[in-house]
Amino acid sequence: MSYLSNKVVVITGGSSGIGKALCENALDAGAKVAVCSRDQKKLQQLFGDKYPNLLCVQADVSKEADCKNFIEVVTSKWGAIDVLINNAGISMRALFEEADLSVIRELMDINFWGTVYTTKYALPWVKKSKGVIAGVSSIAGYRGLPCRTGYSASKFAMQGFLESLRTELLQTGVHVMWVCPGFIASNIRNVARGANGTAQGETPLDESKLMGAEECAQRIMKGVADRKRTIVMTRQGKLTVWLNKLFPAIADKMVYKHFLNEPDSPLKNYV
């Protein structure tokens, strides 16, 4: 029997990419799944009536009231939360010098505060079940990435929050973890914010060569079941974390070179 069988799994940001794959993975494993998105119509179009144990709720995780309502709707229906996965997030691609500060604020509101809000209201329920709280982070939470200042800041903040919380809850039976997928085929780069806050519209990467969202979701769910501390998925990601820890000056140059070579890299404005 799957670890997720009959568990109540709550996932933020489930209308595309990793979030959608996480929902499908958990549902196929027999879980009761609650998912939120700013666009509930899109959720309904994606999942329809295929899954009787799926609850779709409209919520903008950057708003505390929406997060509180989301958790209240879930617990009113099922009276429990066994797993919370803070997945909702957006990225950016712009030089800090050129970026409107509203872009940085939006990333912090969604990526960091969205995790804080949802975790705050879900925590009493997760404590009752001695369950799992997880955050979908990024290599950018270990290593600051150029042209992603707001994204890196939000993921560093997420990881610091979750690490602090994990330590607080050591004696409660609650497990807290985060995962760093690396570059995954999804639409996160298409909707990444540019300098003025509008969506980028296209990705600078060859998405066909990246790990698929389905494989990523499988690894995350296995990590949840095994109560892993952290998961860094790709070889490139593991190398970056290791190199940054031991040889940070070399990492600076390698990361700079990598992002300078992106198509239409904003870093070229400084060359």
Protein backbone atom coordinates (compact mmCIF):
# COMPACT_ATOMS: atom_id res chain seq x y z
CA MET A 1 0.00 0.00 0.00
CA SER A 2 1.25 3.47 -0.87
CA TYR A 3 2.30 5.81 1.92
CA LEU A 4 -0.18 8.33 0.50
CA SER A 5 -3.18 5.99 0.54
CA ASN A 6 -6.08 7.73 2.35
CA LYS A 7 -3.80 10.60 3.40
CA VAL A 8 -4.99 14.20 3.03
CA VAL A 9 -2.45 16.00 0.84
CA VAL A 10 -2.57 19.77 0.39
CA ILE A 11 -0.70 21.30 -2.55
CA THR A 12 -0.39 24.97 -3.49
CA GLY A 13 0.00 26.05 -7.10
CA GLY A 14 -1.44 23.02 -8.86
CA SER A 15 -2.55 24.44 -12.20
CA SER A 16 0.59 23.53 -14.15
CA GLY A 17 4.07 22.01 -14.11
CA ILE A 18 5.30 20.36 -10.92
CA GLY A 19 2.15 21.22 -8.97
CA LYS A 20 -0.13 19.53 -11.49
CA ALA A 21 2.14 16.47 -11.57
CA LEU A 22 2.21 16.31 -7.76
CA CYS A 23 -1.59 16.34 -7.67
CA GLU A 24 -1.90 13.55 -10.21
CA ASN A 25 0.79 11.49 -8.47
CA ALA A 26 -0.89 11.77 -5.08
CA LEU A 27 -4.36 11.05 -6.47
CA ASP A 28 -3.13 7.98 -8.33
CA ALA A 29 -1.58 6.78 -5.05
CA GLY A 30 -4.95 6.93 -3.31
CA ALA A 31 -4.66 10.24 -1.46
CA LYS A 32 -7.35 12.84 -0.88
CA VAL A 33 -5.88 15.92 -2.53
CA ALA A 34 -6.68 19.59 -2.05
CA VAL A 35 -5.10 21.98 -4.52
CA CYS A 36 -5.25 25.71 -4.92
CA SER A 37 -4.54 28.14 -7.73
CA ARG A 38 -5.34 31.75 -8.52
CA ASP A 39 -7.24 30.40 -11.54
CA GLN A 40 -9.87 27.91 -10.41
CA LYS A 41 -11.33 27.59 -13.92
CA LYS A 42 -7.97 26.31 -15.11
CA LEU A 43 -7.93 23.74 -12.31
CA GLN A 44 -11.38 22.53 -13.32
CA GLN A 45 -10.33 22.33 -16.98
CA LEU A 46 -7.20 20.35 -16.06
CA PHE A 47 -8.78 17.81 -13.75
CA GLY A 48 -12.51 17.93 -14.53
CA ASP A 49 -14.48 15.18 -12.76
CA LYS A 50 -11.80 12.55 -13.22
CA TYR A 51 -10.88 12.38 -9.53
CA PRO A 52 -13.62 12.13 -6.85
CA ASN A 53 -11.08 12.76 -4.09
CA LEU A 54 -9.85 16.08 -5.50
CA LEU A 55 -10.79 19.43 -3.99
CA CYS A 56 -10.00 22.53 -6.06
CA VAL A 57 -9.97 25.88 -4.28
CA GLN A 58 -9.33 29.37 -5.64
CA ALA A 59 -6.56 31.01 -3.62
CA ASP A 60 -3.81 33.54 -4.17
CA VAL A 61 -1.09 32.42 -1.76
CA SER A 62 0.31 35.95 -1.53
CA LYS A 63 -2.85 36.84 0.43
CA GLU A 64 -3.06 35.61 4.02
CA ALA A 65 -6.86 35.51 4.00
CA ASP A 66 -6.87 33.25 0.93
CA CYS A 67 -4.41 30.83 2.56
CA LYS A 68 -6.44 30.73 5.76
CA ASN A 69 -9.63 30.07 3.81
CA PHE A 70 -7.94 27.35 1.74
CA ILE A 71 -6.92 25.43 4.86
CA GLU A 72 -10.34 25.94 6.46
CA VAL A 73 -12.10 24.56 3.37
CA VAL A 74 -9.82 21.50 3.39
CA THR A 75 -10.24 20.75 7.09
CA SER A 76 -13.99 21.36 6.97
CA LYS A 77 -14.26 18.71 4.27
CA TRP A 78 -11.81 16.08 5.54
CA GLY A 79 -10.93 17.07 9.12
CA ALA A 80 -7.22 16.40 8.69
CA ILE A 81 -4.01 17.35 6.88
CA ASP A 82 -1.26 14.75 6.58
CA VAL A 83 1.02 16.38 3.99
CA LEU A 84 1.40 20.05 3.03
CA ILE A 85 3.46 20.81 -0.07
CA ASN A 86 4.21 24.50 -0.59
CA ASN A 87 4.73 24.46 -4.34
CA ALA A 88 3.29 27.75 -5.60
CA GLY A 89 5.98 30.04 -6.95
CA ILE A 90 7.15 32.37 -9.69
CA SER A 91 10.55 33.41 -10.99
CA MET A 92 12.12 36.48 -12.59
CA ARG A 93 14.78 37.35 -15.17
CA ALA A 94 16.13 40.88 -14.99
CA LEU A 95 19.09 42.81 -13.69
CA PHE A 96 18.42 44.13 -10.20
CA GLU A 97 19.47 47.61 -11.36
CA GLU A 98 16.71 47.58 -13.97
CA ALA A 99 14.01 45.68 -12.07
CA ASP A 100 11.07 47.48 -10.54
CA LEU A 101 10.97 46.83 -6.81
CA SER A 102 7.40 45.61 -7.18
CA VAL A 103 8.85 42.54 -8.96
CA ILE A 104 11.00 41.65 -5.94
CA ARG A 105 8.05 42.24 -3.64
CA GLU A 106 5.76 40.00 -5.69
CA LEU A 107 8.26 37.14 -5.61
CA MET A 108 8.67 37.44 -1.84
CA ASP A 109 4.91 37.60 -1.37
CA ILE A 110 4.26 34.43 -3.36
CA ASN A 111 7.36 32.29 -2.81
CA PHE A 112 8.12 33.16 0.81
CA TRP A 113 4.98 34.59 2.40
CA GLY A 114 2.80 32.08 0.58
CA THR A 115 4.75 29.31 2.30
CA VAL A 116 4.55 31.06 5.67
CA TYR A 117 0.81 31.76 5.48
CA THR A 118 -0.24 28.28 4.39
CA THR A 119 2.09 26.58 6.85
CA LYS A 120 0.82 28.76 9.72
CA TYR A 121 -2.78 27.67 9.29
CA ALA A 122 -2.02 24.06 8.38
CA LEU A 123 0.43 23.45 11.23
CA PRO A 124 -2.07 22.51 13.98
CA TRP A 125 -3.52 19.86 11.69
CA VAL A 126 -0.15 18.52 10.59
CA LYS A 127 0.88 18.27 14.25
CA LYS A 128 -2.18 16.12 14.95
CA SER A 129 -1.27 13.73 12.17
CA LYS A 130 2.50 13.91 12.81
CA GLY A 131 2.71 14.58 9.11
CA VAL A 132 5.00 16.31 6.64
CA ILE A 133 5.48 19.94 5.61
CA ALA A 134 7.48 20.38 2.42
CA GLY A 135 8.61 23.31 0.33
CA VAL A 136 9.49 23.21 -3.36
CA SER A 137 12.58 25.39 -3.40
CA SER A 138 15.44 25.75 -5.88
CA ILE A 139 19.19 25.71 -6.27
CA ALA A 140 18.66 29.48 -6.08
CA GLY A 141 17.95 28.92 -2.38
CA TYR A 142 21.51 27.68 -1.89
CA ARG A 143 23.33 29.83 -4.42
CA GLY A 144 22.33 33.34 -5.48
CA LEU A 145 21.75 33.50 -9.24
CA PRO A 146 22.34 36.60 -11.37
CA CYS A 147 19.24 38.23 -12.84
CA ARG A 148 17.19 36.26 -10.28
CA THR A 149 17.83 38.41 -7.20
CA GLY A 150 14.21 38.36 -6.03
CA TYR A 151 13.83 34.67 -6.79
CA SER A 152 17.03 33.74 -4.95
CA ALA A 153 16.08 35.93 -2.00
CA SER A 154 12.65 34.32 -1.74
CA LYS A 155 14.06 30.79 -1.88
CA PHE A 156 16.81 31.53 0.65
CA ALA A 157 14.06 32.90 2.92
CA MET A 158 11.88 29.83 2.36
CA GLN A 159 14.70 27.45 3.24
CA GLY A 160 15.68 29.44 6.32
CA PHE A 161 12.08 29.45 7.50
CA LEU A 162 11.64 25.73 6.96
CA GLU A 163 14.96 24.86 8.61
CA SER A 164 14.05 26.93 11.66
CA LEU A 165 10.62 25.33 11.79
CA ARG A 166 12.06 21.84 11.44
CA THR A 167 14.27 22.45 14.46
CA GLU A 168 11.38 23.87 16.50
CA LEU A 169 9.27 20.81 15.74
CA LEU A 170 11.88 18.11 16.38
CA GLN A 171 9.97 16.67 19.34
CA THR A 172 6.50 16.85 17.81
CA GLY A 173 6.67 14.11 15.18
CA VAL A 174 6.21 16.63 12.36
CA HIS A 175 8.74 16.33 9.55
CA VAL A 176 9.81 19.48 7.66
CA MET A 177 11.78 19.32 4.42
CA TRP A 178 12.46 21.12 1.16
CA VAL A 179 13.32 19.96 -2.33
CA CYS A 180 15.38 21.60 -5.08
CA PRO A 181 14.33 20.27 -8.48
CA GLY A 182 16.88 22.15 -10.59
CA PHE A 183 15.82 23.00 -14.15
CA ILE A 184 12.54 21.15 -14.80
CA ALA A 185 10.39 21.28 -17.92
CA SER A 186 7.55 23.58 -16.86
CA ASN A 187 6.09 26.99 -17.63
CA ILE A 188 7.84 28.76 -14.72
CA ARG A 189 10.27 30.44 -17.08
CA ASN A 190 7.51 31.47 -19.47
CA VAL A 191 5.67 33.33 -16.71
CA ALA A 192 8.86 34.62 -15.04
CA ARG A 193 8.72 38.34 -14.41
CA GLY A 194 10.76 40.74 -16.47
CA ALA A 195 12.14 44.05 -15.24
CA ASN A 196 8.74 45.78 -15.39
CA GLY A 197 6.77 42.88 -13.90
CA THR A 198 5.27 41.50 -17.10
CA ALA A 199 5.59 37.81 -17.94
CA GLN A 200 8.68 36.87 -19.93
CA GLY A 201 6.54 34.88 -22.37
CA GLU A 202 9.21 32.48 -23.57
CA THR A 203 11.88 30.34 -21.98
CA PRO A 204 15.63 30.81 -22.54
CA LEU A 205 16.17 27.04 -22.17
CA ASP A 206 15.57 24.01 -24.37
CA GLU A 207 12.74 22.52 -22.32
CA SER A 208 12.91 19.21 -24.22
CA LYS A 209 16.28 18.45 -22.62
CA LEU A 210 15.10 19.00 -19.04
CA MET A 211 13.69 16.56 -16.48
CA GLY A 212 9.94 16.21 -16.85
CA ALA A 213 7.52 17.43 -14.20
CA GLU A 214 6.17 13.89 -13.73
CA GLU A 215 9.56 12.44 -12.83
CA CYS A 216 10.19 15.40 -10.53
CA ALA A 217 6.86 14.81 -8.77
CA GLN A 218 7.66 11.12 -8.28
CA ARG A 219 10.96 12.02 -6.61
CA ILE A 220 9.30 14.59 -4.38
CA MET A 221 6.60 12.18 -3.24
CA LYS A 222 9.16 9.46 -2.56
CA GLY A 223 11.12 11.98 -0.51
CA VAL A 224 7.99 12.85 1.45
CA ALA A 225 7.28 9.18 2.14
CA ASP A 226 10.92 8.59 3.19
CA ARG A 227 10.99 11.82 5.23
CA LYS A 228 14.13 13.11 3.57
CA ARG A 229 15.74 16.24 5.01
CA THR A 230 16.38 17.82 1.63
CA ILE A 231 16.50 16.68 -1.98
CA VAL A 232 18.73 18.23 -4.63
CA MET A 233 17.75 16.42 -7.79
CA THR A 234 20.08 17.09 -10.67
CA ARG A 235 23.80 16.49 -10.98
CA GLN A 236 24.26 20.10 -12.01
CA GLY A 237 22.38 21.21 -8.91
CA LYS A 238 24.40 19.00 -6.57
CA LEU A 239 27.64 20.22 -8.13
CA THR A 240 26.58 23.85 -7.74
CA VAL A 241 25.70 23.43 -4.05
CA TRP A 242 28.96 21.57 -3.34
CA LEU A 243 31.13 24.00 -5.30
CA ASN A 244 29.52 27.06 -3.72
CA LYS A 245 30.10 25.66 -0.25
CA LEU A 246 33.78 24.77 -0.75
CA PHE A 247 34.96 27.14 -3.49
CA PRO A 248 32.62 30.15 -3.56
CA ALA A 249 34.87 32.39 -5.67
CA ILE A 250 35.09 29.74 -8.38
CA ALA A 251 31.33 29.27 -8.15
CA ASP A 252 30.84 33.00 -8.73
CA LYS A 253 32.70 32.81 -12.04
CA MET A 254 31.08 29.57 -13.20
CA VAL A 255 27.55 30.73 -12.38
CA TYR A 256 28.20 34.08 -14.06
CA LYS A 257 29.47 32.38 -17.20
CA HIS A 258 26.52 29.98 -17.29
CA PHE A 259 23.92 32.73 -17.13
CA LEU A 260 25.87 35.05 -19.43
CA ASN A 261 25.58 32.38 -22.12
CA GLU A 262 21.79 32.21 -21.91
CA PRO A 263 19.98 33.49 -25.00
CA ASP A 264 19.34 37.24 -24.60
CA SER A 265 20.97 37.23 -21.17
CA PRO A 266 20.44 40.51 -19.30
CA LEU A 267 24.07 40.14 -18.12
CA LYS A 268 25.20 41.11 -21.61
CA ASN A 269 24.22 44.67 -20.73
CA TYR A 270 27.30 44.73 -18.50
CA VAL A 271 29.73 43.25 -21.03
